[in-house]
Amino acid sequence: MQVLDRGIFLRLKDLSRRRGVTVQELIRVLVIPDWMRRFEEESNRLESLRRHRRARVARGTSGLAVARVRAGPKRETTA
């Protein structure tokens, strides 16, 4: 089951009418495969970034990630 915003449905309806198909056919043939392809590309990109980070951490000192801390201005305290 799917629920679409009215504006999106009207756009899909217009596209499907121009292509000579139903909205359901347009979603099955065009929208879902495009969404799946984009989802897969994004998943592959994120996995590549994760592998890169794991490899970078493993090359560091004893496998531990080291954070750089920058000292800010000292605060004066009043007693």
PDB file of N, CA and C in Angstrom:
ATOM      1  N   MET A   1       0.851  -1.175   0.000  1.00  0.00           N
ATOM      2  CA  MET A   1       0.000   0.000   0.000  1.00  0.00           C
ATOM      3  C   MET A   1       0.894   1.234   0.000  1.00  0.00           C
ATOM      4  N   GLN A   2       0.458   2.258  -0.693  1.00  0.00           N
ATOM      5  CA  GLN A   2       1.232   3.483  -0.754  1.00  0.00           C
ATOM      6  C   GLN A   2       0.328   4.685  -0.563  1.00  0.00           C
ATOM      7  N   VAL A   3       0.872   5.708   0.050  1.00  0.00           N
ATOM      8  CA  VAL A   3       0.148   6.952   0.242  1.00  0.00           C
ATOM      9  C   VAL A   3       1.017   8.048  -0.342  1.00  0.00           C
ATOM     10  N   LEU A   4       0.440   8.837  -1.232  1.00  0.00           N
ATOM     11  CA  LEU A   4       1.196   9.901  -1.887  1.00  0.00           C
ATOM     12  C   LEU A   4       0.583  11.253  -1.573  1.00  0.00           C
ATOM     13  N   ASP A   5       1.436  12.241  -1.466  1.00  0.00           N
ATOM     14  CA  ASP A   5       0.994  13.619  -1.336  1.00  0.00           C
ATOM     15  C   ASP A   5       0.200  13.973  -2.600  1.00  0.00           C
ATOM     16  N   ARG A   6      -0.823  14.775  -2.466  1.00  0.00           N
ATOM     17  CA  ARG A   6      -1.682  15.111  -3.609  1.00  0.00           C
ATOM     18  C   ARG A   6      -0.877  15.714  -4.762  1.00  0.00           C
ATOM     19  N   GLY A   7       0.034  16.625  -4.468  1.00  0.00           N
ATOM     20  CA  GLY A   7       0.835  17.254  -5.513  1.00  0.00           C
ATOM     21  C   GLY A   7       1.698  16.249  -6.251  1.00  0.00           C
ATOM     22  N   ILE A   8       2.302  15.337  -5.513  1.00  0.00           N
ATOM     23  CA  ILE A   8       3.140  14.305  -6.137  1.00  0.00           C
ATOM     24  C   ILE A   8       2.285  13.389  -6.996  1.00  0.00           C
ATOM     25  N   PHE A   9       1.112  13.007  -6.485  1.00  0.00           N
ATOM     26  CA  PHE A   9       0.220  12.148  -7.262  1.00  0.00           C
ATOM     27  C   PHE A   9      -0.185  12.816  -8.571  1.00  0.00           C
ATOM     28  N   LEU A  10      -0.500  14.105  -8.512  1.00  0.00           N
ATOM     29  CA  LEU A  10      -0.910  14.808  -9.726  1.00  0.00           C
ATOM     30  C   LEU A  10       0.234  14.873 -10.735  1.00  0.00           C
ATOM     31  N   ARG A  11       1.461  15.053 -10.257  1.00  0.00           N
ATOM     32  CA  ARG A  11       2.614  15.047 -11.169  1.00  0.00           C
ATOM     33  C   ARG A  11       2.790  13.674 -11.802  1.00  0.00           C
ATOM     34  N   LEU A  12       2.679  12.622 -10.988  1.00  0.00           N
ATOM     35  CA  LEU A  12       2.787  11.261 -11.522  1.00  0.00           C
ATOM     36  C   LEU A  12       1.663  10.967 -12.509  1.00  0.00           C
ATOM     37  N   LYS A  13       0.475  11.451 -12.188  1.00  0.00           N
ATOM     38  CA  LYS A  13      -0.671  11.238 -13.066  1.00  0.00           C
ATOM     39  C   LYS A  13      -0.437  11.906 -14.423  1.00  0.00           C
ATOM     40  N   ASP A  14       0.109  13.123 -14.399  1.00  0.00           N
ATOM     41  CA  ASP A  14       0.403  13.843 -15.645  1.00  0.00           C
ATOM     42  C   ASP A  14       1.480  13.108 -16.449  1.00  0.00           C
ATOM     43  N   LEU A  15       2.549  12.668 -15.771  1.00  0.00           N
ATOM     44  CA  LEU A  15       3.615  11.920 -16.447  1.00  0.00           C
ATOM     45  C   LEU A  15       3.087  10.619 -17.056  1.00  0.00           C
ATOM     46  N   SER A  16       2.259   9.925 -16.286  1.00  0.00           N
ATOM     47  CA  SER A  16       1.747   8.644 -16.778  1.00  0.00           C
ATOM     48  C   SER A  16       0.816   8.849 -17.969  1.00  0.00           C
ATOM     49  N   ARG A  17       0.009   9.897 -17.939  1.00  0.00           N
ATOM     50  CA  ARG A  17      -0.893  10.179 -19.061  1.00  0.00           C
ATOM     51  C   ARG A  17      -0.089  10.464 -20.331  1.00  0.00           C
ATOM     52  N   ARG A  18       1.019  11.239 -20.190  1.00  0.00           N
ATOM     53  CA  ARG A  18       1.861  11.543 -21.356  1.00  0.00           C
ATOM     54  C   ARG A  18       2.528  10.293 -21.919  1.00  0.00           C
ATOM     55  N   ARG A  19       2.816   9.336 -21.053  1.00  0.00           N
ATOM     56  CA  ARG A  19       3.469   8.097 -21.507  1.00  0.00           C
ATOM     57  C   ARG A  19       2.465   7.014 -21.923  1.00  0.00           C
ATOM     58  N   GLY A  20       1.205   7.258 -21.673  1.00  0.00           N
ATOM     59  CA  GLY A  20       0.179   6.298 -22.071  1.00  0.00           C
ATOM     60  C   GLY A  20       0.097   5.086 -21.155  1.00  0.00           C
ATOM     61  N   VAL A  21       0.410   5.278 -19.880  1.00  0.00           N
ATOM     62  CA  VAL A  21       0.337   4.183 -18.903  1.00  0.00           C
ATOM     63  C   VAL A  21      -0.434   4.671 -17.682  1.00  0.00           C
ATOM     64  N   THR A  22      -0.744   3.738 -16.778  1.00  0.00           N
ATOM     65  CA  THR A  22      -1.403   4.124 -15.532  1.00  0.00           C
ATOM     66  C   THR A  22      -0.360   4.599 -14.532  1.00  0.00           C
ATOM     67  N   VAL A  23      -0.813   5.272 -13.491  1.00  0.00           N
ATOM     68  CA  VAL A  23       0.093   5.729 -12.434  1.00  0.00           C
ATOM     69  C   VAL A  23       0.784   4.526 -11.797  1.00  0.00           C
ATOM     70  N   GLN A  24       0.033   3.450 -11.561  1.00  0.00           N
ATOM     71  CA  GLN A  24       0.606   2.250 -10.959  1.00  0.00           C
ATOM     72  C   GLN A  24       1.716   1.669 -11.836  1.00  0.00           C
ATOM     73  N   GLU A  25       1.500   1.619 -13.145  1.00  0.00           N
ATOM     74  CA  GLU A  25       2.531   1.108 -14.061  1.00  0.00           C
ATOM     75  C   GLU A  25       3.767   2.001 -14.045  1.00  0.00           C
ATOM     76  N   LEU A  26       3.538   3.315 -14.027  1.00  0.00           N
ATOM     77  CA  LEU A  26       4.659   4.254 -13.983  1.00  0.00           C
ATOM     78  C   LEU A  26       5.492   4.042 -12.718  1.00  0.00           C
ATOM     79  N   ILE A  27       4.831   3.868 -11.598  1.00  0.00           N
ATOM     80  CA  ILE A  27       5.536   3.644 -10.332  1.00  0.00           C
ATOM     81  C   ILE A  27       6.328   2.340 -10.393  1.00  0.00           C
ATOM     82  N   ARG A  28       5.717   1.277 -10.894  1.00  0.00           N
ATOM     83  CA  ARG A  28       6.398  -0.023 -10.970  1.00  0.00           C
ATOM     84  C   ARG A  28       7.580  -0.032 -11.931  1.00  0.00           C
ATOM     85  N   VAL A  29       7.431   0.640 -13.067  1.00  0.00           N
ATOM     86  CA  VAL A  29       8.448   0.561 -14.115  1.00  0.00           C
ATOM     87  C   VAL A  29       9.516   1.639 -13.986  1.00  0.00           C
ATOM     88  N   LEU A  30       9.165   2.808 -13.503  1.00  0.00           N
ATOM     89  CA  LEU A  30      10.103   3.924 -13.506  1.00  0.00           C
ATOM     90  C   LEU A  30      10.541   4.355 -12.110  1.00  0.00           C
ATOM     91  N   VAL A  31       9.588   4.609 -11.245  1.00  0.00           N
ATOM     92  CA  VAL A  31       9.891   5.197  -9.942  1.00  0.00           C
ATOM     93  C   VAL A  31      10.629   4.218  -9.035  1.00  0.00           C
ATOM     94  N   ILE A  32      10.100   3.024  -8.856  1.00  0.00           N
ATOM     95  CA  ILE A  32      10.719   2.057  -7.943  1.00  0.00           C
ATOM     96  C   ILE A  32      12.115   1.657  -8.405  1.00  0.00           C
ATOM     97  N   PRO A  33      12.322   1.290  -9.675  1.00  0.00           N
ATOM     98  CA  PRO A  33      13.691   0.947 -10.097  1.00  0.00           C
ATOM     99  C   PRO A  33      14.671   2.109  -9.919  1.00  0.00           C
ATOM    100  N   ASP A  34      14.231   3.340 -10.191  1.00  0.00           N
ATOM    101  CA  ASP A  34      15.100   4.501 -10.016  1.00  0.00           C
ATOM    102  C   ASP A  34      15.442   4.683  -8.540  1.00  0.00           C
ATOM    103  N   TRP A  35      14.446   4.535  -7.670  1.00  0.00           N
ATOM    104  CA  TRP A  35      14.685   4.657  -6.233  1.00  0.00           C
ATOM    105  C   TRP A  35      15.652   3.571  -5.763  1.00  0.00           C
ATOM    106  N   MET A  36      15.459   2.343  -6.242  1.00  0.00           N
ATOM    107  CA  MET A  36      16.339   1.238  -5.843  1.00  0.00           C
ATOM    108  C   MET A  36      17.783   1.493  -6.294  1.00  0.00           C
ATOM    109  N   ARG A  37      17.959   1.988  -7.510  1.00  0.00           N
ATOM    110  CA  ARG A  37      19.298   2.276  -8.024  1.00  0.00           C
ATOM    111  C   ARG A  37      19.970   3.355  -7.177  1.00  0.00           C
ATOM    112  N   ARG A  38      19.246   4.422  -6.883  1.00  0.00           N
ATOM    113  CA  ARG A  38      19.809   5.506  -6.058  1.00  0.00           C
ATOM    114  C   ARG A  38      20.128   5.016  -4.656  1.00  0.00           C
ATOM    115  N   PHE A  39      19.252   4.197  -4.075  1.00  0.00           N
ATOM    116  CA  PHE A  39      19.480   3.652  -2.739  1.00  0.00           C
ATOM    117  C   PHE A  39      20.735   2.786  -2.729  1.00  0.00           C
ATOM    118  N   GLU A  40      20.908   1.957  -3.762  1.00  0.00           N
ATOM    119  CA  GLU A  40      22.080   1.090  -3.854  1.00  0.00           C
ATOM    120  C   GLU A  40      23.359   1.917  -4.017  1.00  0.00           C
ATOM    121  N   GLU A  41      23.314   2.951  -4.858  1.00  0.00           N
ATOM    122  CA  GLU A  41      24.485   3.809  -5.044  1.00  0.00           C
ATOM    123  C   GLU A  41      24.873   4.481  -3.739  1.00  0.00           C
ATOM    124  N   GLU A  42      23.895   4.993  -2.998  1.00  0.00           N
ATOM    125  CA  GLU A  42      24.161   5.654  -1.718  1.00  0.00           C
ATOM    126  C   GLU A  42      24.715   4.653  -0.706  1.00  0.00           C
ATOM    127  N   SER A  43      24.154   3.452  -0.669  1.00  0.00           N
ATOM    128  CA  SER A  43      24.648   2.421   0.245  1.00  0.00           C
ATOM    129  C   SER A  43      26.097   2.053  -0.073  1.00  0.00           C
ATOM    130  N   ASN A  44      26.412   1.917  -1.356  1.00  0.00           N
ATOM    131  CA  ASN A  44      27.785   1.598  -1.765  1.00  0.00           C
ATOM    132  C   ASN A  44      28.744   2.723  -1.387  1.00  0.00           C
ATOM    133  N   ARG A  45      28.302   3.969  -1.561  1.00  0.00           N
ATOM    134  CA  ARG A  45      29.148   5.116  -1.217  1.00  0.00           C
ATOM    135  C   ARG A  45      29.425   5.147   0.286  1.00  0.00           C
ATOM    136  N   LEU A  46      28.393   4.921   1.090  1.00  0.00           N
ATOM    137  CA  LEU A  46      28.568   4.920   2.543  1.00  0.00           C
ATOM    138  C   LEU A  46      29.460   3.769   2.995  1.00  0.00           C
ATOM    139  N   GLU A  47      29.298   2.602   2.385  1.00  0.00           N
ATOM    140  CA  GLU A  47      30.143   1.457   2.744  1.00  0.00           C
ATOM    141  C   GLU A  47      31.592   1.739   2.385  1.00  0.00           C
ATOM    142  N   SER A  48      31.826   2.391   1.271  1.00  0.00           N
ATOM    143  CA  SER A  48      33.188   2.753   0.876  1.00  0.00           C
ATOM    144  C   SER A  48      33.805   3.699   1.899  1.00  0.00           C
ATOM    145  N   LEU A  49      33.023   4.672   2.374  1.00  0.00           N
ATOM    146  CA  LEU A  49      33.520   5.597   3.395  1.00  0.00           C
ATOM    147  C   LEU A  49      33.824   4.850   4.694  1.00  0.00           C
ATOM    148  N   ARG A  50      32.971   3.901   5.067  1.00  0.00           N
ATOM    149  CA  ARG A  50      33.207   3.136   6.294  1.00  0.00           C
ATOM    150  C   ARG A  50      34.495   2.330   6.187  1.00  0.00           C
ATOM    151  N   ARG A  51      34.703   1.684   5.025  1.00  0.00           N
ATOM    152  CA  ARG A  51      35.934   0.905   4.830  1.00  0.00           C
ATOM    153  C   ARG A  51      37.159   1.800   4.906  1.00  0.00           C
ATOM    154  N   HIS A  52      37.056   2.991   4.329  1.00  0.00           N
ATOM    155  CA  HIS A  52      38.174   3.932   4.346  1.00  0.00           C
ATOM    156  C   HIS A  52      38.497   4.345   5.778  1.00  0.00           C
ATOM    157  N   ARG A  53      37.468   4.628   6.568  1.00  0.00           N
ATOM    158  CA  ARG A  53      37.686   5.021   7.966  1.00  0.00           C
ATOM    159  C   ARG A  53      38.296   3.887   8.770  1.00  0.00           C
ATOM    160  N   ARG A  54      37.796   2.643   8.554  1.00  0.00           N
ATOM    161  CA  ARG A  54      38.351   1.505   9.297  1.00  0.00           C
ATOM    162  C   ARG A  54      39.809   1.301   8.948  1.00  0.00           C
ATOM    163  N   ALA A  55      40.158   1.436   7.679  1.00  0.00           N
ATOM    164  CA  ALA A  55      41.546   1.253   7.247  1.00  0.00           C
ATOM    165  C   ALA A  55      42.421   2.342   7.830  1.00  0.00           C
ATOM    166  N   ARG A  56      41.929   3.580   7.883  1.00  0.00           N
ATOM    167  CA  ARG A  56      42.703   4.692   8.414  1.00  0.00           C
ATOM    168  C   ARG A  56      42.949   4.508   9.910  1.00  0.00           C
ATOM    169  N   VAL A  57      41.943   4.067  10.642  1.00  0.00           N
ATOM    170  CA  VAL A  57      42.092   3.850  12.083  1.00  0.00           C
ATOM    171  C   VAL A  57      43.066   2.705  12.336  1.00  0.00           C
ATOM    172  N   ALA A  58      42.999   1.652  11.521  1.00  0.00           N
ATOM    173  CA  ALA A  58      43.889   0.502  11.699  1.00  0.00           C
ATOM    174  C   ALA A  58      45.351   0.887  11.462  1.00  0.00           C
ATOM    175  N   ARG A  59      45.615   1.863  10.596  1.00  0.00           N
ATOM    176  CA  ARG A  59      46.987   2.296  10.338  1.00  0.00           C
ATOM    177  C   ARG A  59      47.515   3.205  11.431  1.00  0.00           C
ATOM    178  N   GLY A  60      46.628   3.766  12.255  1.00  0.00           N
ATOM    179  CA  GLY A  60      47.044   4.694  13.310  1.00  0.00           C
ATOM    180  C   GLY A  60      47.773   3.961  14.426  1.00  0.00           C
ATOM    181  N   THR A  61      48.134   4.678  15.470  1.00  0.00           N
ATOM    182  CA  THR A  61      48.884   4.103  16.582  1.00  0.00           C
ATOM    183  C   THR A  61      48.054   3.070  17.312  1.00  0.00           C
ATOM    184  N   SER A  62      48.485   1.861  17.253  1.00  0.00           N
ATOM    185  CA  SER A  62      47.880   0.688  17.896  1.00  0.00           C
ATOM    186  C   SER A  62      46.384   0.560  17.626  1.00  0.00           C
ATOM    187  N   GLY A  63      45.932   1.079  16.488  1.00  0.00           N
ATOM    188  CA  GLY A  63      44.535   0.922  16.107  1.00  0.00           C
ATOM    189  C   GLY A  63      43.573   1.835  16.838  1.00  0.00           C
ATOM    190  N   LEU A  64      44.073   2.734  17.650  1.00  0.00           N
ATOM    191  CA  LEU A  64      43.191   3.637  18.378  1.00  0.00           C
ATOM    192  C   LEU A  64      43.078   4.964  17.645  1.00  0.00           C
ATOM    193  N   ALA A  65      41.900   5.481  17.598  1.00  0.00           N
ATOM    194  CA  ALA A  65      41.711   6.788  16.986  1.00  0.00           C
ATOM    195  C   ALA A  65      42.106   7.848  18.001  1.00  0.00           C
ATOM    196  N   VAL A  66      42.826   8.844  17.556  1.00  0.00           N
ATOM    197  CA  VAL A  66      43.285   9.902  18.455  1.00  0.00           C
ATOM    198  C   VAL A  66      42.594  11.191  18.039  1.00  0.00           C
ATOM    199  N   ALA A  67      41.960  11.844  19.001  1.00  0.00           N
ATOM    200  CA  ALA A  67      41.290  13.108  18.723  1.00  0.00           C
ATOM    201  C   ALA A  67      42.217  14.255  19.090  1.00  0.00           C
ATOM    202  N   ARG A  68      42.262  15.258  18.251  1.00  0.00           N
ATOM    203  CA  ARG A  68      43.055  16.441  18.552  1.00  0.00           C
ATOM    204  C   ARG A  68      42.182  17.417  19.307  1.00  0.00           C
ATOM    205  N   VAL A  69      42.687  17.887  20.412  1.00  0.00           N
ATOM    206  CA  VAL A  69      41.944  18.822  21.238  1.00  0.00           C
ATOM    207  C   VAL A  69      42.655  20.157  21.175  1.00  0.00           C
ATOM    208  N   ARG A  70      41.900  21.172  20.934  1.00  0.00           N
ATOM    209  CA  ARG A  70      42.464  22.508  20.833  1.00  0.00           C
ATOM    210  C   ARG A  70      42.080  23.286  22.056  1.00  0.00           C
ATOM    211  N   ALA A  71      43.058  23.835  22.711  1.00  0.00           N
ATOM    212  CA  ALA A  71      42.784  24.586  23.933  1.00  0.00           C
ATOM    213  C   ALA A  71      42.192  25.938  23.592  1.00  0.00           C
ATOM    214  N   GLY A  72      41.146  26.293  24.310  1.00  0.00           N
ATOM    215  CA  GLY A  72      40.503  27.586  24.108  1.00  0.00           C
ATOM    216  C   GLY A  72      41.050  28.569  25.128  1.00  0.00           C
ATOM    217  N   PRO A  73      40.567  29.785  25.119  1.00  0.00           N
ATOM    218  CA  PRO A  73      41.034  30.781  26.085  1.00  0.00           C
ATOM    219  C   PRO A  73      40.642  30.355  27.501  1.00  0.00           C
ATOM    220  N   LYS A  74      41.527  30.669  28.444  1.00  0.00           N
ATOM    221  CA  LYS A  74      41.241  30.317  29.843  1.00  0.00           C
ATOM    222  C   LYS A  74      40.131  31.214  30.371  1.00  0.00           C
ATOM    223  N   ARG A  75      39.303  30.604  31.195  1.00  0.00           N
ATOM    224  CA  ARG A  75      38.229  31.368  31.819  1.00  0.00           C
ATOM    225  C   ARG A  75      38.683  31.800  33.198  1.00  0.00           C
ATOM    226  N   GLU A  76      38.365  33.012  33.516  1.00  0.00           N
ATOM    227  CA  GLU A  76      38.685  33.476  34.867  1.00  0.00           C
ATOM    228  C   GLU A  76      37.530  33.147  35.776  1.00  0.00           C
ATOM    229  N   THR A  77      37.870  32.649  36.960  1.00  0.00           N
ATOM    230  CA  THR A  77      36.822  32.314  37.916  1.00  0.00           C
ATOM    231  C   THR A  77      36.878  33.305  39.062  1.00  0.00           C
ATOM    232  N   THR A  78      35.745  33.670  39.532  1.00  0.00           N
ATOM    233  CA  THR A  78      35.676  34.565  40.669  1.00  0.00           C
ATOM    234  C   THR A  78      35.195  33.807  41.869  1.00  0.00           C
ATOM    235  N   ALA A  79      35.859  34.008  42.981  1.00  0.00           N
ATOM    236  CA  ALA A  79      35.497  33.262  44.183  1.00  0.00           C
ATOM    237  C   ALA A  79      34.658  34.048  45.127  1.00  0.00           C
TER     238      ALA A  79
END
